[in-house]
């Protein structure tokens, strides 16, 4: 019974984390586009965002698909920055 009582709490925490990920990704993208963030800082933030995403997906029971959004953004951000430096 205790596990079923925690399901709504876990779902709520997971959704809050995913909303934070959704809010942080455009900010990070904008900073990358503007060149106002150092690559090391960007990697650190992407790591934290991925941790939040992974934890949220685990709470929702979809650990296999965790991190896809962050990986796509990381490729897009670094691909874009690499092209900008050429």
C-alpha atoms as a PDB file:
ATOM      1  CA  UNK A   1       0.000   0.000   0.000  1.00  0.00           C
ATOM      2  CA  UNK A   2       2.822   2.417   0.758  1.00  0.00           C
ATOM      3  CA  UNK A   3       4.174   2.102  -2.791  1.00  0.00           C
ATOM      4  CA  UNK A   4       0.836   2.993  -4.379  1.00  0.00           C
ATOM      5  CA  UNK A   5       0.580   6.046  -2.142  1.00  0.00           C
ATOM      6  CA  UNK A   6       3.940   7.273  -3.442  1.00  0.00           C
ATOM      7  CA  UNK A   7       3.024   6.983  -7.132  1.00  0.00           C
ATOM      8  CA  UNK A   8       1.332  10.425  -7.362  1.00  0.00           C
ATOM      9  CA  UNK A   9       4.198  12.006  -5.413  1.00  0.00           C
ATOM     10  CA  UNK A  10       6.804  10.437  -7.710  1.00  0.00           C
ATOM     11  CA  UNK A  11       4.841  11.447 -10.788  1.00  0.00           C
ATOM     12  CA  UNK A  12       4.560  15.013  -9.494  1.00  0.00           C
ATOM     13  CA  UNK A  13       8.304  15.192  -8.761  1.00  0.00           C
ATOM     14  CA  UNK A  14       9.132  13.741 -12.164  1.00  0.00           C
ATOM     15  CA  UNK A  15       6.891  16.206 -13.972  1.00  0.00           C
ATOM     16  CA  UNK A  16       8.382  19.125 -12.031  1.00  0.00           C
ATOM     17  CA  UNK A  17      11.878  17.983 -13.022  1.00  0.00           C
ATOM     18  CA  UNK A  18      10.850  17.666 -16.667  1.00  0.00           C
ATOM     19  CA  UNK A  19       9.333  21.162 -16.575  1.00  0.00           C
ATOM     20  CA  UNK A  20      12.647  22.472 -15.236  1.00  0.00           C
ATOM     21  CA  UNK A  21      14.491  20.677 -18.034  1.00  0.00           C
ATOM     22  CA  UNK A  22      12.108  22.261 -20.543  1.00  0.00           C
ATOM     23  CA  UNK A  23      12.795  25.685 -19.038  1.00  0.00           C
ATOM     24  CA  UNK A  24      16.584  25.290 -18.908  1.00  0.00           C
ATOM     25  CA  UNK A  25      17.193  23.945 -22.409  1.00  0.00           C
ATOM     26  CA  UNK A  26      16.135  27.103 -24.311  1.00  0.00           C
ATOM     27  CA  UNK A  27      18.178  29.260 -21.934  1.00  0.00           C
ATOM     28  CA  UNK A  28      21.240  27.121 -22.537  1.00  0.00           C
ATOM     29  CA  UNK A  29      20.623  27.152 -26.299  1.00  0.00           C
ATOM     30  CA  UNK A  30      20.339  30.958 -26.284  1.00  0.00           C
ATOM     31  CA  UNK A  31      23.582  31.308 -24.316  1.00  0.00           C
ATOM     32  CA  UNK A  32      25.326  28.948 -26.722  1.00  0.00           C
ATOM     33  CA  UNK A  33      24.042  30.918 -29.706  1.00  0.00           C
ATOM     34  CA  UNK A  34      25.168  34.202 -28.142  1.00  0.00           C
ATOM     35  CA  UNK A  35      28.546  32.764 -27.178  1.00  0.00           C
ATOM     36  CA  UNK A  36      28.039  33.873 -23.576  1.00  0.00           C
ATOM     37  CA  UNK A  37      28.790  30.489 -22.012  1.00  0.00           C
ATOM     38  CA  UNK A  38      32.093  28.666 -21.889  1.00  0.00           C
ATOM     39  CA  UNK A  39      32.156  25.081 -23.194  1.00  0.00           C
ATOM     40  CA  UNK A  40      33.103  23.658 -19.772  1.00  0.00           C
ATOM     41  CA  UNK A  41      30.215  25.469 -18.096  1.00  0.00           C
ATOM     42  CA  UNK A  42      27.882  24.270 -20.833  1.00  0.00           C
ATOM     43  CA  UNK A  43      28.995  20.668 -20.342  1.00  0.00           C
ATOM     44  CA  UNK A  44      28.424  21.012 -16.601  1.00  0.00           C
ATOM     45  CA  UNK A  45      24.921  22.356 -17.124  1.00  0.00           C
ATOM     46  CA  UNK A  46      24.123  19.685 -19.696  1.00  0.00           C
ATOM     47  CA  UNK A  47      25.301  17.073 -17.210  1.00  0.00           C
ATOM     48  CA  UNK A  48      23.011  18.442 -14.508  1.00  0.00           C
ATOM     49  CA  UNK A  49      20.104  18.676 -16.937  1.00  0.00           C
ATOM     50  CA  UNK A  50      20.705  15.096 -18.024  1.00  0.00           C
ATOM     51  CA  UNK A  51      20.729  13.948 -14.387  1.00  0.00           C
ATOM     52  CA  UNK A  52      17.388  15.669 -13.822  1.00  0.00           C
ATOM     53  CA  UNK A  53      15.989  14.170 -17.012  1.00  0.00           C
ATOM     54  CA  UNK A  54      17.253  10.667 -16.160  1.00  0.00           C
ATOM     55  CA  UNK A  55      15.858  10.845 -12.630  1.00  0.00           C
ATOM     56  CA  UNK A  56      12.500  12.067 -13.880  1.00  0.00           C
ATOM     57  CA  UNK A  57      12.267   9.374 -16.532  1.00  0.00           C
ATOM     58  CA  UNK A  58      13.205   6.725 -13.964  1.00  0.00           C
ATOM     59  CA  UNK A  59      10.464   7.974 -11.647  1.00  0.00           C
ATOM     60  CA  UNK A  60       8.029   7.773 -14.540  1.00  0.00           C
ATOM     61  CA  UNK A  61       9.189   4.239 -15.323  1.00  0.00           C
ATOM     62  CA  UNK A  62      10.830   4.949 -18.691  1.00  0.00           C
ATOM     63  CA  UNK A  63      14.521   4.624 -17.879  1.00  0.00           C
ATOM     64  CA  UNK A  64      15.275   3.231 -21.340  1.00  0.00           C
ATOM     65  CA  UNK A  65      14.397   6.503 -23.085  1.00  0.00           C
ATOM     66  CA  UNK A  66      16.022   8.855 -20.603  1.00  0.00           C
ATOM     67  CA  UNK A  67      18.431  11.458 -21.851  1.00  0.00           C
ATOM     68  CA  UNK A  68      17.371  11.502 -25.508  1.00  0.00           C
ATOM     69  CA  UNK A  69      16.270  15.127 -25.418  1.00  0.00           C
ATOM     70  CA  UNK A  70      19.463  16.261 -23.717  1.00  0.00           C
ATOM     71  CA  UNK A  71      21.637  14.269 -26.134  1.00  0.00           C
ATOM     72  CA  UNK A  72      19.897  15.857 -29.133  1.00  0.00           C
ATOM     73  CA  UNK A  73      20.355  19.327 -27.670  1.00  0.00           C
ATOM     74  CA  UNK A  74      23.996  18.648 -26.862  1.00  0.00           C
ATOM     75  CA  UNK A  75      24.637  17.589 -30.459  1.00  0.00           C
ATOM     76  CA  UNK A  76      22.753  20.601 -31.778  1.00  0.00           C
ATOM     77  CA  UNK A  77      24.522  23.059 -29.473  1.00  0.00           C
ATOM     78  CA  UNK A  78      28.021  21.752 -30.039  1.00  0.00           C
ATOM     79  CA  UNK A  79      27.429  21.164 -33.735  1.00  0.00           C
ATOM     80  CA  UNK A  80      26.197  24.747 -34.053  1.00  0.00           C
ATOM     81  CA  UNK A  81      29.102  26.178 -32.054  1.00  0.00           C
ATOM     82  CA  UNK A  82      31.639  24.147 -34.031  1.00  0.00           C
ATOM     83  CA  UNK A  83      30.175  25.453 -37.270  1.00  0.00           C
ATOM     84  CA  UNK A  84      30.252  29.022 -35.917  1.00  0.00           C
ATOM     85  CA  UNK A  85      33.980  28.766 -35.172  1.00  0.00           C
ATOM     86  CA  UNK A  86      34.914  27.622 -38.681  1.00  0.00           C
END
